[in-house]
Amino acid sequence: MDQYTSYGSPIKVAESLQACDNSIYPNISVLLHIFATIPVTTATAERLFSALRLLKTYLCATMHEERLNGLALMAIHKDIKLN
């Protein structure tokens, strides 16, 4: 009962989505789907833009777009080992 409030409604978005009847409340169902996909923080997006800003120096400005995209992906996914 710790997942529910004192009057029996779910606390988490996932439980609310399961409890919501799509045929009766289609707009609320769509809203809960959108709400469930919003990230809790923007730290990942800020980190990615920060990495891109570091890559986009004067030398990177003269590169072709394909190489810049490759360098950005390498900086973002630096935990993946490359051969």
PDB file of N, CA and C in Angstrom:
ATOM      1  N   MET A   1       0.811  -1.190   0.000  1.00  0.00           N
ATOM      2  CA  MET A   1       0.000   0.000   0.000  1.00  0.00           C
ATOM      3  C   MET A   1       0.860   1.261   0.000  1.00  0.00           C
ATOM      4  N   ASP A   2       2.223   1.104   0.103  1.00  0.00           N
ATOM      5  CA  ASP A   2       3.083   2.269   0.159  1.00  0.00           C
ATOM      6  C   ASP A   2       3.205   2.956  -1.203  1.00  0.00           C
ATOM      7  N   GLN A   3       2.762   2.323  -2.303  1.00  0.00           N
ATOM      8  CA  GLN A   3       2.813   2.924  -3.623  1.00  0.00           C
ATOM      9  C   GLN A   3       1.616   3.822  -3.892  1.00  0.00           C
ATOM     10  N   TYR A   4       0.646   3.792  -3.022  1.00  0.00           N
ATOM     11  CA  TYR A   4      -0.589   4.526  -3.243  1.00  0.00           C
ATOM     12  C   TYR A   4      -0.796   5.556  -2.140  1.00  0.00           C
ATOM     13  N   THR A   5      -1.536   6.592  -2.456  1.00  0.00           N
ATOM     14  CA  THR A   5      -1.874   7.588  -1.453  1.00  0.00           C
ATOM     15  C   THR A   5      -2.913   7.016  -0.501  1.00  0.00           C
ATOM     16  N   SER A   6      -3.278   7.789   0.508  1.00  0.00           N
ATOM     17  CA  SER A   6      -4.220   7.301   1.512  1.00  0.00           C
ATOM     18  C   SER A   6      -5.615   7.057   0.934  1.00  0.00           C
ATOM     19  N   TYR A   7      -5.956   7.695  -0.180  1.00  0.00           N
ATOM     20  CA  TYR A   7      -7.278   7.479  -0.774  1.00  0.00           C
ATOM     21  C   TYR A   7      -7.235   6.543  -1.967  1.00  0.00           C
ATOM     22  N   GLY A   8      -6.122   5.803  -2.155  1.00  0.00           N
ATOM     23  CA  GLY A   8      -6.083   4.709  -3.112  1.00  0.00           C
ATOM     24  C   GLY A   8      -5.651   5.042  -4.524  1.00  0.00           C
ATOM     25  N   SER A   9      -5.179   6.240  -4.804  1.00  0.00           N
ATOM     26  CA  SER A   9      -4.707   6.549  -6.155  1.00  0.00           C
ATOM     27  C   SER A   9      -3.197   6.341  -6.246  1.00  0.00           C
ATOM     28  N   PRO A  10      -2.698   5.946  -7.419  1.00  0.00           N
ATOM     29  CA  PRO A  10      -1.270   5.641  -7.559  1.00  0.00           C
ATOM     30  C   PRO A  10      -0.397   6.894  -7.458  1.00  0.00           C
ATOM     31  N   ILE A  11       0.830   6.700  -6.968  1.00  0.00           N
ATOM     32  CA  ILE A  11       1.771   7.803  -6.813  1.00  0.00           C
ATOM     33  C   ILE A  11       2.653   7.933  -8.053  1.00  0.00           C
ATOM     34  N   LYS A  12       3.125   6.826  -8.610  1.00  0.00           N
ATOM     35  CA  LYS A  12       4.060   6.857  -9.733  1.00  0.00           C
ATOM     36  C   LYS A  12       3.310   6.983 -11.052  1.00  0.00           C
ATOM     37  N   VAL A  13       4.014   7.559 -12.049  1.00  0.00           N
ATOM     38  CA  VAL A  13       3.406   7.771 -13.365  1.00  0.00           C
ATOM     39  C   VAL A  13       3.093   6.435 -14.033  1.00  0.00           C
ATOM     40  N   ALA A  14       3.973   5.447 -13.869  1.00  0.00           N
ATOM     41  CA  ALA A  14       3.754   4.145 -14.497  1.00  0.00           C
ATOM     42  C   ALA A  14       2.480   3.486 -13.971  1.00  0.00           C
ATOM     43  N   GLU A  15       2.267   3.575 -12.661  1.00  0.00           N
ATOM     44  CA  GLU A  15       1.041   2.998 -12.104  1.00  0.00           C
ATOM     45  C   GLU A  15      -0.191   3.788 -12.538  1.00  0.00           C
ATOM     46  N   SER A  16      -0.042   5.105 -12.653  1.00  0.00           N
ATOM     47  CA  SER A  16      -1.164   5.927 -13.131  1.00  0.00           C
ATOM     48  C   SER A  16      -1.505   5.572 -14.560  1.00  0.00           C
ATOM     49  N   LEU A  17      -0.503   5.324 -15.371  1.00  0.00           N
ATOM     50  CA  LEU A  17      -0.720   4.956 -16.765  1.00  0.00           C
ATOM     51  C   LEU A  17      -1.427   3.611 -16.879  1.00  0.00           C
ATOM     52  N   GLN A  18      -1.066   2.668 -16.020  1.00  0.00           N
ATOM     53  CA  GLN A  18      -1.732   1.369 -16.036  1.00  0.00           C
ATOM     54  C   GLN A  18      -3.175   1.481 -15.527  1.00  0.00           C
ATOM     55  N   ALA A  19      -3.403   2.369 -14.573  1.00  0.00           N
ATOM     56  CA  ALA A  19      -4.735   2.506 -13.998  1.00  0.00           C
ATOM     57  C   ALA A  19      -5.668   3.326 -14.883  1.00  0.00           C
ATOM     58  N   CYS A  20      -5.103   4.124 -15.796  1.00  0.00           N
ATOM     59  CA  CYS A  20      -5.916   5.004 -16.640  1.00  0.00           C
ATOM     60  C   CYS A  20      -6.563   4.202 -17.770  1.00  0.00           C
ATOM     61  N   ASP A  21      -7.854   4.310 -17.919  1.00  0.00           N
ATOM     62  CA  ASP A  21      -8.580   3.638 -18.999  1.00  0.00           C
ATOM     63  C   ASP A  21      -8.518   4.529 -20.242  1.00  0.00           C
ATOM     64  N   ASN A  22      -7.831   4.037 -21.281  1.00  0.00           N
ATOM     65  CA  ASN A  22      -7.602   4.812 -22.504  1.00  0.00           C
ATOM     66  C   ASN A  22      -8.896   5.144 -23.234  1.00  0.00           C
ATOM     67  N   SER A  23      -9.901   4.277 -23.137  1.00  0.00           N
ATOM     68  CA  SER A  23     -11.155   4.538 -23.845  1.00  0.00           C
ATOM     69  C   SER A  23     -11.991   5.623 -23.162  1.00  0.00           C
ATOM     70  N   ILE A  24     -11.841   5.769 -21.851  1.00  0.00           N
ATOM     71  CA  ILE A  24     -12.605   6.776 -21.118  1.00  0.00           C
ATOM     72  C   ILE A  24     -11.843   8.101 -21.044  1.00  0.00           C
ATOM     73  N   TYR A  25     -10.527   8.033 -20.813  1.00  0.00           N
ATOM     74  CA  TYR A  25      -9.699   9.229 -20.650  1.00  0.00           C
ATOM     75  C   TYR A  25      -8.553   9.244 -21.668  1.00  0.00           C
ATOM     76  N   PRO A  26      -8.841   9.418 -22.956  1.00  0.00           N
ATOM     77  CA  PRO A  26      -7.755   9.354 -23.950  1.00  0.00           C
ATOM     78  C   PRO A  26      -6.751  10.503 -23.802  1.00  0.00           C
ATOM     79  N   ASN A  27      -7.206  11.700 -23.472  1.00  0.00           N
ATOM     80  CA  ASN A  27      -6.289  12.837 -23.336  1.00  0.00           C
ATOM     81  C   ASN A  27      -5.378  12.680 -22.127  1.00  0.00           C
ATOM     82  N   ILE A  28      -5.921  12.179 -21.043  1.00  0.00           N
ATOM     83  CA  ILE A  28      -5.096  11.957 -19.852  1.00  0.00           C
ATOM     84  C   ILE A  28      -4.090  10.854 -20.114  1.00  0.00           C
ATOM     85  N   SER A  29      -4.480   9.845 -20.859  1.00  0.00           N
ATOM     86  CA  SER A  29      -3.558   8.770 -21.212  1.00  0.00           C
ATOM     87  C   SER A  29      -2.390   9.302 -22.043  1.00  0.00           C
ATOM     88  N   VAL A  30      -2.674  10.157 -23.013  1.00  0.00           N
ATOM     89  CA  VAL A  30      -1.615  10.762 -23.829  1.00  0.00           C
ATOM     90  C   VAL A  30      -0.712  11.623 -22.958  1.00  0.00           C
ATOM     91  N   LEU A  31      -1.305  12.400 -22.064  1.00  0.00           N
ATOM     92  CA  LEU A  31      -0.537  13.243 -21.158  1.00  0.00           C
ATOM     93  C   LEU A  31       0.382  12.412 -20.268  1.00  0.00           C
ATOM     94  N   LEU A  32      -0.108  11.305 -19.745  1.00  0.00           N
ATOM     95  CA  LEU A  32       0.722  10.435 -18.908  1.00  0.00           C
ATOM     96  C   LEU A  32       1.847   9.797 -19.719  1.00  0.00           C
ATOM     97  N   HIS A  33       1.589   9.431 -20.984  1.00  0.00           N
ATOM     98  CA  HIS A  33       2.652   8.900 -21.841  1.00  0.00           C
ATOM     99  C   HIS A  33       3.752   9.939 -22.039  1.00  0.00           C
ATOM    100  N   ILE A  34       3.369  11.168 -22.302  1.00  0.00           N
ATOM    101  CA  ILE A  34       4.355  12.238 -22.484  1.00  0.00           C
ATOM    102  C   ILE A  34       5.108  12.495 -21.184  1.00  0.00           C
ATOM    103  N   PHE A  35       4.373  12.544 -20.090  1.00  0.00           N
ATOM    104  CA  PHE A  35       4.994  12.801 -18.792  1.00  0.00           C
ATOM    105  C   PHE A  35       5.976  11.698 -18.406  1.00  0.00           C
ATOM    106  N   ALA A  36       5.680  10.472 -18.789  1.00  0.00           N
ATOM    107  CA  ALA A  36       6.559   9.348 -18.450  1.00  0.00           C
ATOM    108  C   ALA A  36       7.853   9.373 -19.249  1.00  0.00           C
ATOM    109  N   THR A  37       7.874  10.056 -20.386  1.00  0.00           N
ATOM    110  CA  THR A  37       9.087  10.080 -21.204  1.00  0.00           C
ATOM    111  C   THR A  37       9.960  11.298 -20.961  1.00  0.00           C
ATOM    112  N   ILE A  38       9.508  12.272 -20.184  1.00  0.00           N
ATOM    113  CA  ILE A  38      10.305  13.454 -19.884  1.00  0.00           C
ATOM    114  C   ILE A  38      11.413  13.060 -18.909  1.00  0.00           C
ATOM    115  N   PRO A  39      12.668  13.412 -19.224  1.00  0.00           N
ATOM    116  CA  PRO A  39      13.748  13.061 -18.291  1.00  0.00           C
ATOM    117  C   PRO A  39      13.644  13.857 -16.994  1.00  0.00           C
ATOM    118  N   VAL A  40      14.131  13.257 -15.928  1.00  0.00           N
ATOM    119  CA  VAL A  40      14.053  13.898 -14.621  1.00  0.00           C
ATOM    120  C   VAL A  40      14.979  15.112 -14.570  1.00  0.00           C
ATOM    121  N   THR A  41      16.170  14.988 -15.154  1.00  0.00           N
ATOM    122  CA  THR A  41      17.106  16.104 -15.187  1.00  0.00           C
ATOM    123  C   THR A  41      17.547  16.353 -16.623  1.00  0.00           C
ATOM    124  N   THR A  42      18.184  17.464 -16.839  1.00  0.00           N
ATOM    125  CA  THR A  42      18.716  17.802 -18.158  1.00  0.00           C
ATOM    126  C   THR A  42      20.232  17.681 -18.176  1.00  0.00           C
ATOM    127  N   ALA A  43      20.803  16.986 -17.204  1.00  0.00           N
ATOM    128  CA  ALA A  43      22.257  16.888 -17.096  1.00  0.00           C
ATOM    129  C   ALA A  43      22.865  16.218 -18.327  1.00  0.00           C
ATOM    130  N   THR A  44      22.230  15.174 -18.853  1.00  0.00           N
ATOM    131  CA  THR A  44      22.770  14.487 -20.022  1.00  0.00           C
ATOM    132  C   THR A  44      22.800  15.403 -21.229  1.00  0.00           C
ATOM    133  N   ALA A  45      21.732  16.123 -21.470  1.00  0.00           N
ATOM    134  CA  ALA A  45      21.691  17.036 -22.610  1.00  0.00           C
ATOM    135  C   ALA A  45      22.714  18.151 -22.445  1.00  0.00           C
ATOM    136  N   GLU A  46      22.843  18.679 -21.248  1.00  0.00           N
ATOM    137  CA  GLU A  46      23.830  19.733 -21.012  1.00  0.00           C
ATOM    138  C   GLU A  46      25.244  19.212 -21.208  1.00  0.00           C
ATOM    139  N   ARG A  47      25.508  17.978 -20.788  1.00  0.00           N
ATOM    140  CA  ARG A  47      26.830  17.391 -20.961  1.00  0.00           C
ATOM    141  C   ARG A  47      27.139  17.188 -22.439  1.00  0.00           C
ATOM    142  N   LEU A  48      26.139  16.779 -23.226  1.00  0.00           N
ATOM    143  CA  LEU A  48      26.354  16.585 -24.655  1.00  0.00           C
ATOM    144  C   LEU A  48      26.643  17.909 -25.354  1.00  0.00           C
ATOM    145  N   PHE A  49      25.904  18.958 -25.012  1.00  0.00           N
ATOM    146  CA  PHE A  49      26.169  20.253 -25.614  1.00  0.00           C
ATOM    147  C   PHE A  49      27.523  20.794 -25.185  1.00  0.00           C
ATOM    148  N   SER A  50      27.921  20.504 -23.972  1.00  0.00           N
ATOM    149  CA  SER A  50      29.227  20.938 -23.495  1.00  0.00           C
ATOM    150  C   SER A  50      30.329  20.231 -24.273  1.00  0.00           C
ATOM    151  N   ALA A  51      30.158  18.927 -24.522  1.00  0.00           N
ATOM    152  CA  ALA A  51      31.144  18.185 -25.303  1.00  0.00           C
ATOM    153  C   ALA A  51      31.204  18.701 -26.732  1.00  0.00           C
ATOM    154  N   LEU A  52      30.063  19.032 -27.302  1.00  0.00           N
ATOM    155  CA  LEU A  52      30.043  19.558 -28.665  1.00  0.00           C
ATOM    156  C   LEU A  52      30.720  20.927 -28.724  1.00  0.00           C
ATOM    157  N   ARG A  53      30.522  21.745 -27.709  1.00  0.00           N
ATOM    158  CA  ARG A  53      31.160  23.065 -27.686  1.00  0.00           C
ATOM    159  C   ARG A  53      32.676  22.927 -27.621  1.00  0.00           C
ATOM    160  N   LEU A  54      33.172  21.927 -26.858  1.00  0.00           N
ATOM    161  CA  LEU A  54      34.613  21.701 -26.789  1.00  0.00           C
ATOM    162  C   LEU A  54      35.173  21.254 -28.140  1.00  0.00           C
ATOM    163  N   LEU A  55      34.387  20.468 -28.868  1.00  0.00           N
ATOM    164  CA  LEU A  55      34.834  19.987 -30.179  1.00  0.00           C
ATOM    165  C   LEU A  55      34.800  21.074 -31.241  1.00  0.00           C
ATOM    166  N   LYS A  56      33.882  21.982 -31.103  1.00  0.00           N
ATOM    167  CA  LYS A  56      33.654  22.997 -32.132  1.00  0.00           C
ATOM    168  C   LYS A  56      34.613  24.168 -31.921  1.00  0.00           C
ATOM    169  N   THR A  57      35.875  23.933 -32.097  1.00  0.00           N
ATOM    170  CA  THR A  57      36.880  24.975 -32.012  1.00  0.00           C
ATOM    171  C   THR A  57      37.144  25.490 -33.416  1.00  0.00           C
ATOM    172  N   TYR A  58      38.149  26.323 -33.532  1.00  0.00           N
ATOM    173  CA  TYR A  58      38.482  26.874 -34.836  1.00  0.00           C
ATOM    174  C   TYR A  58      38.858  25.763 -35.821  1.00  0.00           C
ATOM    175  N   LEU A  59      39.618  24.778 -35.376  1.00  0.00           N
ATOM    176  CA  LEU A  59      40.012  23.692 -36.273  1.00  0.00           C
ATOM    177  C   LEU A  59      38.819  22.839 -36.679  1.00  0.00           C
ATOM    178  N   CYS A  60      37.903  22.621 -35.740  1.00  0.00           N
ATOM    179  CA  CYS A  60      36.724  21.811 -36.064  1.00  0.00           C
ATOM    180  C   CYS A  60      35.799  22.543 -37.032  1.00  0.00           C
ATOM    181  N   ALA A  61      35.830  23.866 -37.005  1.00  0.00           N
ATOM    182  CA  ALA A  61      34.972  24.635 -37.905  1.00  0.00           C
ATOM    183  C   ALA A  61      35.376  24.434 -39.358  1.00  0.00           C
ATOM    184  N   THR A  62      36.633  24.069 -39.582  1.00  0.00           N
ATOM    185  CA  THR A  62      37.095  23.852 -40.953  1.00  0.00           C
ATOM    186  C   THR A  62      36.905  22.409 -41.408  1.00  0.00           C
ATOM    187  N   MET A  63      36.454  21.528 -40.524  1.00  0.00           N
ATOM    188  CA  MET A  63      36.251  20.122 -40.880  1.00  0.00           C
ATOM    189  C   MET A  63      34.951  19.937 -41.639  1.00  0.00           C
ATOM    190  N   HIS A  64      34.893  18.798 -42.309  1.00  0.00           N
ATOM    191  CA  HIS A  64      33.638  18.430 -42.952  1.00  0.00           C
ATOM    192  C   HIS A  64      32.655  17.951 -41.884  1.00  0.00           C
ATOM    193  N   GLU A  65      31.389  18.010 -42.206  1.00  0.00           N
ATOM    194  CA  GLU A  65      30.343  17.668 -41.231  1.00  0.00           C
ATOM    195  C   GLU A  65      30.433  16.208 -40.798  1.00  0.00           C
ATOM    196  N   GLU A  66      30.809  15.309 -41.710  1.00  0.00           N
ATOM    197  CA  GLU A  66      30.872  13.881 -41.370  1.00  0.00           C
ATOM    198  C   GLU A  66      31.930  13.624 -40.297  1.00  0.00           C
ATOM    199  N   ARG A  67      33.091  14.268 -40.414  1.00  0.00           N
ATOM    200  CA  ARG A  67      34.137  14.059 -39.416  1.00  0.00           C
ATOM    201  C   ARG A  67      33.739  14.676 -38.078  1.00  0.00           C
ATOM    202  N   LEU A  68      33.124  15.852 -38.104  1.00  0.00           N
ATOM    203  CA  LEU A  68      32.675  16.487 -36.871  1.00  0.00           C
ATOM    204  C   LEU A  68      31.638  15.623 -36.163  1.00  0.00           C
ATOM    205  N   ASN A  69      30.715  15.020 -36.925  1.00  0.00           N
ATOM    206  CA  ASN A  69      29.723  14.114 -36.327  1.00  0.00           C
ATOM    207  C   ASN A  69      30.401  12.905 -35.699  1.00  0.00           C
ATOM    208  N   GLY A  70      31.413  12.362 -36.376  1.00  0.00           N
ATOM    209  CA  GLY A  70      32.147  11.216 -35.834  1.00  0.00           C
ATOM    210  C   GLY A  70      32.866  11.557 -34.547  1.00  0.00           C
ATOM    211  N   LEU A  71      33.517  12.731 -34.507  1.00  0.00           N
ATOM    212  CA  LEU A  71      34.196  13.152 -33.284  1.00  0.00           C
ATOM    213  C   LEU A  71      33.214  13.402 -32.145  1.00  0.00           C
ATOM    214  N   ALA A  72      32.066  13.975 -32.470  1.00  0.00           N
ATOM    215  CA  ALA A  72      31.053  14.213 -31.440  1.00  0.00           C
ATOM    216  C   ALA A  72      30.543  12.893 -30.872  1.00  0.00           C
ATOM    217  N   LEU A  73      30.298  11.913 -31.739  1.00  0.00           N
ATOM    218  CA  LEU A  73      29.839  10.605 -31.259  1.00  0.00           C
ATOM    219  C   LEU A  73      30.898   9.926 -30.405  1.00  0.00           C
ATOM    220  N   MET A  74      32.181  10.073 -30.789  1.00  0.00           N
ATOM    221  CA  MET A  74      33.262   9.487 -29.986  1.00  0.00           C
ATOM    222  C   MET A  74      33.332  10.147 -28.607  1.00  0.00           C
ATOM    223  N   ALA A  75      33.128  11.453 -28.550  1.00  0.00           N
ATOM    224  CA  ALA A  75      33.179  12.156 -27.264  1.00  0.00           C
ATOM    225  C   ALA A  75      31.982  11.786 -26.394  1.00  0.00           C
ATOM    226  N   ILE A  76      30.833  11.626 -26.999  1.00  0.00           N
ATOM    227  CA  ILE A  76      29.625  11.310 -26.240  1.00  0.00           C
ATOM    228  C   ILE A  76      29.658   9.878 -25.727  1.00  0.00           C
ATOM    229  N   HIS A  77      30.092   8.960 -26.576  1.00  0.00           N
ATOM    230  CA  HIS A  77      30.116   7.525 -26.222  1.00  0.00           C
ATOM    231  C   HIS A  77      31.546   7.086 -25.930  1.00  0.00           C
ATOM    232  N   LYS A  78      32.240   7.819 -25.070  1.00  0.00           N
ATOM    233  CA  LYS A  78      33.638   7.522 -24.799  1.00  0.00           C
ATOM    234  C   LYS A  78      33.838   6.254 -23.994  1.00  0.00           C
ATOM    235  N   ASP A  79      32.779   5.698 -23.417  1.00  0.00           N
ATOM    236  CA  ASP A  79      32.904   4.465 -22.637  1.00  0.00           C
ATOM    237  C   ASP A  79      32.936   3.218 -23.524  1.00  0.00           C
ATOM    238  N   ILE A  80      32.618   3.352 -24.814  1.00  0.00           N
ATOM    239  CA  ILE A  80      32.634   2.219 -25.750  1.00  0.00           C
ATOM    240  C   ILE A  80      34.041   2.063 -26.303  1.00  0.00           C
ATOM    241  N   LYS A  81      34.593   0.857 -26.235  1.00  0.00           N
ATOM    242  CA  LYS A  81      35.943   0.585 -26.721  1.00  0.00           C
ATOM    243  C   LYS A  81      35.920   0.433 -28.250  1.00  0.00           C
ATOM    244  N   LEU A  82      36.887   1.046 -28.918  1.00  0.00           N
ATOM    245  CA  LEU A  82      37.008   0.964 -30.370  1.00  0.00           C
ATOM    246  C   LEU A  82      38.241   0.159 -30.729  1.00  0.00           C
ATOM    247  N   ASN A  83      38.167  -0.533 -31.876  1.00  0.00           N
ATOM    248  CA  ASN A  83      39.338  -1.277 -32.378  1.00  0.00           C
ATOM    249  C   ASN A  83      40.191  -0.345 -33.219  1.00  0.00           C
TER     250      ASN A  83
END
